Amino acid sequence: MKRSRDTIIMQILHICNKGTNKTGIVYKANLNFRTVNPYLELLTKNGLINANEDEPILYKTTPKGLSLLNCFKQIQSELSTA
C-alpha cells in the first residue's frame, strides 16, 4: 500500500528527532536517496528540520517540527478511536 506524503513527513520528523544523517533517514523511513531529497528540502525550507554544516550532515527536528509531529500524532489518535 502506498504511503501518503503526510505519513512520510511524519516518519522523517520522528526519525530526525534525535538527529541522524541522510542514510539513516533513507533506511528507517524505507525510502531511496532520490525520493528523500525533495522531502528534506521541503522540511528544511519550512523550518521543520535543521541540517548542520559539519560533515557528515546531520538532520535534526526543530521545535516547530516537533509541534507538527505532535499534531500529526493527535490526529492519528483521534481517527483511530473513531
N, C-alpha and C. Protein backbone atom coordinates (compact mmCIF):
# COMPACT_ATOMS: atom_id res chain seq x y z
N MET A 1 0.84 -1.18 0.00
CA MET A 1 0.00 0.00 0.00
C MET A 1 0.88 1.25 0.00
N LYS A 2 0.57 2.17 -0.84
CA LYS A 2 1.35 3.40 -0.96
C LYS A 2 1.08 4.32 0.23
N ARG A 3 2.16 4.86 0.81
CA ARG A 3 2.03 5.77 1.94
C ARG A 3 1.72 7.18 1.45
N SER A 4 1.01 7.92 2.27
CA SER A 4 0.71 9.31 1.93
C SER A 4 1.94 10.18 2.19
N ARG A 5 1.94 11.33 1.58
CA ARG A 5 3.02 12.30 1.78
C ARG A 5 3.11 12.70 3.25
N ASP A 6 1.95 12.89 3.88
CA ASP A 6 1.92 13.27 5.29
C ASP A 6 2.54 12.20 6.18
N THR A 7 2.27 10.95 5.87
CA THR A 7 2.83 9.84 6.65
C THR A 7 4.34 9.82 6.54
N ILE A 8 4.86 10.02 5.34
CA ILE A 8 6.32 10.04 5.14
C ILE A 8 6.94 11.21 5.88
N ILE A 9 6.31 12.37 5.82
CA ILE A 9 6.82 13.55 6.53
C ILE A 9 6.84 13.28 8.03
N MET A 10 5.78 12.67 8.55
CA MET A 10 5.73 12.35 9.97
C MET A 10 6.85 11.39 10.36
N GLN A 11 7.11 10.40 9.52
CA GLN A 11 8.19 9.45 9.80
C GLN A 11 9.54 10.15 9.81
N ILE A 12 9.78 11.02 8.85
CA ILE A 12 11.06 11.74 8.79
C ILE A 12 11.24 12.62 10.02
N LEU A 13 10.19 13.34 10.42
CA LEU A 13 10.28 14.19 11.61
C LEU A 13 10.59 13.34 12.84
N HIS A 14 9.97 12.19 12.94
CA HIS A 14 10.22 11.30 14.08
C HIS A 14 11.67 10.77 14.06
N ILE A 15 12.13 10.36 12.90
CA ILE A 15 13.49 9.83 12.76
C ILE A 15 14.54 10.90 13.10
N CYS A 16 14.28 12.13 12.68
CA CYS A 16 15.25 13.22 12.90
C CYS A 16 15.19 13.81 14.30
N ASN A 17 14.29 13.31 15.12
CA ASN A 17 14.12 13.87 16.46
C ASN A 17 15.43 13.89 17.25
N LYS A 18 16.21 12.82 17.18
CA LYS A 18 17.48 12.76 17.91
C LYS A 18 18.67 13.13 17.04
N GLY A 19 18.42 13.41 15.76
CA GLY A 19 19.49 13.75 14.84
C GLY A 19 20.00 12.53 14.11
N THR A 20 20.06 12.60 12.81
CA THR A 20 20.54 11.48 12.01
C THR A 20 21.02 11.99 10.65
N ASN A 21 21.77 11.15 9.96
CA ASN A 21 22.23 11.53 8.63
C ASN A 21 21.24 11.04 7.57
N LYS A 22 21.48 11.39 6.33
CA LYS A 22 20.57 11.05 5.25
C LYS A 22 20.42 9.54 5.09
N THR A 23 21.49 8.80 5.25
CA THR A 23 21.42 7.34 5.13
C THR A 23 20.49 6.75 6.18
N GLY A 24 20.56 7.25 7.39
CA GLY A 24 19.67 6.79 8.46
C GLY A 24 18.21 7.05 8.13
N ILE A 25 17.94 8.23 7.56
CA ILE A 25 16.57 8.57 7.17
C ILE A 25 16.09 7.62 6.08
N VAL A 26 16.94 7.40 5.07
CA VAL A 26 16.58 6.53 3.94
C VAL A 26 16.22 5.13 4.44
N TYR A 27 17.05 4.55 5.29
CA TYR A 27 16.81 3.19 5.75
C TYR A 27 15.63 3.10 6.71
N LYS A 28 15.55 4.01 7.67
CA LYS A 28 14.48 3.93 8.67
C LYS A 28 13.11 4.29 8.10
N ALA A 29 13.06 5.18 7.11
CA ALA A 29 11.78 5.58 6.51
C ALA A 29 11.44 4.73 5.28
N ASN A 30 12.33 3.79 4.94
CA ASN A 30 12.13 2.92 3.78
C ASN A 30 11.91 3.73 2.50
N LEU A 31 12.84 4.66 2.26
CA LEU A 31 12.83 5.49 1.05
C LEU A 31 14.11 5.20 0.28
N ASN A 32 14.30 5.88 -0.84
CA ASN A 32 15.58 5.81 -1.52
C ASN A 32 16.16 7.22 -1.59
N PHE A 33 17.40 7.31 -2.00
CA PHE A 33 18.08 8.61 -1.96
C PHE A 33 17.45 9.62 -2.92
N ARG A 34 16.87 9.15 -4.00
CA ARG A 34 16.24 10.06 -4.95
C ARG A 34 14.95 10.63 -4.38
N THR A 35 14.18 9.82 -3.67
CA THR A 35 12.90 10.30 -3.15
C THR A 35 13.03 11.08 -1.84
N VAL A 36 14.10 10.85 -1.08
CA VAL A 36 14.23 11.53 0.21
C VAL A 36 14.63 13.00 0.03
N ASN A 37 15.35 13.33 -1.02
CA ASN A 37 15.84 14.70 -1.21
C ASN A 37 14.73 15.75 -1.24
N PRO A 38 13.64 15.57 -2.02
CA PRO A 38 12.58 16.59 -2.00
C PRO A 38 11.95 16.77 -0.62
N TYR A 39 11.83 15.70 0.13
CA TYR A 39 11.28 15.80 1.49
C TYR A 39 12.21 16.59 2.39
N LEU A 40 13.50 16.31 2.32
CA LEU A 40 14.46 17.04 3.15
C LEU A 40 14.48 18.52 2.79
N GLU A 41 14.41 18.83 1.50
CA GLU A 41 14.38 20.22 1.06
C GLU A 41 13.12 20.92 1.58
N LEU A 42 11.97 20.27 1.46
CA LEU A 42 10.71 20.84 1.92
C LEU A 42 10.73 21.10 3.43
N LEU A 43 11.17 20.11 4.18
CA LEU A 43 11.18 20.25 5.63
C LEU A 43 12.20 21.29 6.10
N THR A 44 13.34 21.36 5.44
CA THR A 44 14.35 22.36 5.79
C THR A 44 13.85 23.76 5.44
N LYS A 45 13.28 23.90 4.25
CA LYS A 45 12.79 25.21 3.79
C LYS A 45 11.71 25.76 4.71
N ASN A 46 10.89 24.88 5.27
CA ASN A 46 9.80 25.31 6.14
C ASN A 46 10.18 25.34 7.61
N GLY A 47 11.44 25.12 7.91
CA GLY A 47 11.92 25.24 9.28
C GLY A 47 11.50 24.10 10.19
N LEU A 48 11.22 22.94 9.63
CA LEU A 48 10.78 21.80 10.42
C LEU A 48 11.95 20.90 10.82
N ILE A 49 13.03 20.93 10.03
CA ILE A 49 14.28 20.26 10.38
C ILE A 49 15.43 21.21 10.08
N ASN A 50 16.53 21.00 10.77
CA ASN A 50 17.77 21.74 10.52
C ASN A 50 18.84 20.77 10.05
N ALA A 51 19.69 21.24 9.16
CA ALA A 51 20.85 20.46 8.73
C ALA A 51 22.09 21.19 9.22
N ASN A 52 22.95 20.49 9.95
CA ASN A 52 24.17 21.15 10.42
C ASN A 52 25.14 21.35 9.25
N GLU A 53 26.15 22.14 9.48
CA GLU A 53 27.11 22.45 8.43
C GLU A 53 28.33 21.53 8.45
N ASP A 54 28.39 20.63 9.42
CA ASP A 54 29.54 19.74 9.56
C ASP A 54 29.42 18.55 8.63
N GLU A 55 30.50 17.80 8.53
CA GLU A 55 30.50 16.53 7.80
C GLU A 55 30.56 15.41 8.81
N PRO A 56 29.75 14.42 8.79
CA PRO A 56 28.61 14.28 7.88
C PRO A 56 27.46 15.19 8.30
N ILE A 57 26.63 15.55 7.35
CA ILE A 57 25.48 16.41 7.62
C ILE A 57 24.47 15.62 8.44
N LEU A 58 24.06 16.20 9.57
CA LEU A 58 23.05 15.59 10.43
C LEU A 58 21.78 16.45 10.38
N TYR A 59 20.66 15.78 10.29
CA TYR A 59 19.36 16.45 10.26
C TYR A 59 18.70 16.28 11.62
N LYS A 60 18.15 17.38 12.16
CA LYS A 60 17.52 17.36 13.47
C LYS A 60 16.19 18.10 13.40
N THR A 61 15.17 17.51 14.01
CA THR A 61 13.85 18.13 14.04
C THR A 61 13.88 19.37 14.93
N THR A 62 13.30 20.45 14.45
CA THR A 62 13.24 21.72 15.19
C THR A 62 12.03 21.70 16.12
N PRO A 63 11.94 22.67 17.04
CA PRO A 63 10.73 22.77 17.88
C PRO A 63 9.45 22.90 17.04
N LYS A 64 9.52 23.63 15.95
CA LYS A 64 8.36 23.76 15.06
C LYS A 64 8.01 22.39 14.46
N GLY A 65 9.01 21.62 14.09
CA GLY A 65 8.78 20.28 13.55
C GLY A 65 8.20 19.34 14.59
N LEU A 66 8.67 19.46 15.84
CA LEU A 66 8.13 18.63 16.93
C LEU A 66 6.67 18.97 17.18
N SER A 67 6.32 20.25 17.09
CA SER A 67 4.93 20.66 17.27
C SER A 67 4.05 20.05 16.18
N LEU A 68 4.52 20.09 14.94
CA LEU A 68 3.77 19.48 13.84
C LEU A 68 3.65 17.97 14.03
N LEU A 69 4.72 17.32 14.46
CA LEU A 69 4.70 15.88 14.71
C LEU A 69 3.67 15.53 15.77
N ASN A 70 3.61 16.33 16.84
CA ASN A 70 2.61 16.10 17.88
C ASN A 70 1.20 16.27 17.36
N CYS A 71 1.00 17.25 16.48
CA CYS A 71 -0.32 17.43 15.86
C CYS A 71 -0.69 16.22 15.01
N PHE A 72 0.25 15.72 14.21
CA PHE A 72 0.02 14.51 13.42
C PHE A 72 -0.39 13.35 14.31
N LYS A 73 0.34 13.16 15.41
CA LYS A 73 0.05 12.05 16.31
C LYS A 73 -1.33 12.19 16.94
N GLN A 74 -1.70 13.41 17.30
CA GLN A 74 -3.01 13.64 17.89
C GLN A 74 -4.12 13.34 16.88
N ILE A 75 -3.93 13.74 15.64
CA ILE A 75 -4.91 13.46 14.60
C ILE A 75 -5.04 11.96 14.39
N GLN A 76 -3.93 11.26 14.32
CA GLN A 76 -3.96 9.81 14.15
C GLN A 76 -4.67 9.15 15.31
N SER A 77 -4.42 9.62 16.51
CA SER A 77 -5.05 9.07 17.70
C SER A 77 -6.57 9.27 17.65
N GLU A 78 -6.98 10.45 17.26
CA GLU A 78 -8.41 10.74 17.17
C GLU A 78 -9.09 9.89 16.10
N LEU A 79 -8.43 9.70 14.98
CA LEU A 79 -9.02 8.92 13.90
C LEU A 79 -9.07 7.44 14.22
N SER A 80 -8.10 6.95 14.98
CA SER A 80 -8.07 5.53 15.28
C SER A 80 -9.12 5.16 16.34
N THR A 81 -9.55 6.11 17.15
CA THR A 81 -10.56 5.83 18.17
C THR A 81 -11.97 6.05 17.65
N ALA A 82 -12.09 6.67 16.50
CA ALA A 82 -13.44 6.97 15.96
C ALA A 82 -14.06 5.76 15.31
